[in-house]
Amino acid sequence: MYNSYFGFLESPFSVTPDPRFFYTNRVYQEAYANLRYGIEARKGFIVITGEVGTGKTTLLRKLMRNSEGTIHSVFIFNTHVNFNELLRAILGDLGLATAGKDRLMMVEELNDYLIEQLKRGHIVSVLIDEAQNLSDEALEGLRLLSNLETDREKLLQIVLMGQPELKPKLDQPSLRQLKQRVALQCRLAPLKDEEVGPYIDFRLQAVGYEGEELFHPDAVQEIAVYSKGIPRLINIICDNTLLNAYAGSQKIVSADMVREVGRDLRLGSEVQVTEAEPSPTALVSKTEPETLVREVPNQALQHKVRRVARAGGWTFLVILAVASMIGPQDFFSIAERRLEVFKHNLNQWVVLLTNQAAVSQEVKAKVENAEAEPKWKEQRARIPYGSTIYKIASDVYGSNAALGMNLIKEFNPQIEDLHWVAAGQELLLPPLTRETLLRKQPDGSYRLIVASFPSLTGADDYARRLGNKGYQVMITQQWVSHDLLLHRVEIDRLKNLEEANQTWEAGLKNEWFVFVGSPRRGDQLSRTNITP
């Protein structure tokens, strides 16, 4: 949209993992050098960790792009698999047959291939992105693959690239043998404040920009504050501020523009689900009051609509004044650009649409299993341009954004990946009520969904604490996007409806779960019993 206005050959701040935009400072150069050295020296296991958005995938793609022709790389990005599935993916990527072969036969096939490549002087590497999501069974299987070796060197080089949760996972006693085999390990840290400016300049130069300085020094400082040095967030902030500058016919991004975008994107005020492990939301003591007061989503929406309406009145008066002072051609040119930024900023709030489309039979059956008609009205959100499912889940479900995303994915089976959604698409927003969280099982027992976590560690801790209260707890996993696996905690084997209702009431009384907001108009958690 703004590329020609600023003289860019292409968008400089795309969030796709394009290796052309790989920024090298000391930390990133060290990580890249470790990867190259570990693979070329046949060291076996290499582990690299980093926060969400620090460029881990970009680093792997740069490695593959710059690898010698004698290095054969297998890139694994779907880590929600068991070891057999992982092994089949590796062999398939190498062009080896897997049909009709069991694990032993596939390992033998791989071993023969690796020996052949060794004789030719070639190296085979397996690059696993989002490795923190691998099961213990899959990790143990990878350890066994590392036993494919000669007397002097490893036949298979394995790179585990993951979020910080990968390190404590490898620290588990059950995986100590794998950890001992890690030859190289490093961490991708966010950029320092003084590196944000050079990073922005590097991205601009990469798209052929040779003009004057686009970002005021004060704006760069604000970008460093709001992004916390995370390259992906820097890109998002820069993209939005350039759009605002284009809409306002400005050639320089100011600090005020950055602060406006930071507020709009709620950066610095919300903990993102995928970036940090939350403390268990259940088990919150009554003696610890919340420090933040949240509006119920519909109240927040009404407040924002009133604010927009007030602003609209003043805007209309200003438009009349401006139109009287400038020519009509200039006026409509400015108005067109303002319209673009207005449409772009629609992603700052969610429009709830009630009673629009019928719920699918598959979804409806899930809530009808509680032997009662659903007591909640269908609530839907239309996805504005530039918005995200996490943003919607945060606005609607508050501190339960992870559970909200889990349910949104379940109740909207037409969406395969919550990170890939189209503007204008509608979502069914299930409320956090007994009707949606209590599920009847085929054997007549009941199961109660109580929380979801982005990390298995958080889910395990939460389940263990509930288990100490005498409940049978299970953890189920669901991929809601290509890079986000949620771990749902459920109380299982509630014998009958009476016990299920008692467990629900106990949960409310003892605050196992703290539901902040729901997409039901003017309503909170219902305490009415479900009756057969």
Foldseek 3Di string as FASTA:
>chain_A
DCCVVQVFLDQLQDLPLALLLDDDDPQLVVVLVCVVCCQLVQLAEEEEAEFPQQRLVSSVVNCVVPDDPLEAEQEALFQQDAQQVVLVSLCVSVVHDDPPDDPVVSLVVVLVVLVVSVVVVGAYEYEYEQLQNHDPRNLVSSLVSQVSADPPHTSYHYYHYHYPSNVVVCVDPSNVSVVVSHPYYGYRYADDLVCQVVSSVSSRVSRPRDDDAAEDPLLSNLLCVQVVRRSSSSSVLVVLQSLVCVLQVHRHRYNVSSVVVSVLVVGPNDDFQRGDWDAQQFPDDPVDDDPDDDDFLVVVVVVVVVVVVVVVVVVVVVLVVVPVVDDPVVSVVSVVSNVVSVQQSVQSHWDKDWPDDDQDPVLLVFLCQLVFHDPFTWIKTFHGPPHALLSVLCSAWPPQSQVQLVVQCVRCVVDPARRDDDGRDMTTGDWPECSNQWGADPVAFIKGWAGKHQHPVNLVVLQVVVVVVVFDKDWDWDHRHSNTIMIIIMGDGHPHLVSVLVVVVVCVVSRRHDTDHHPGPPDDYDSDGDDD
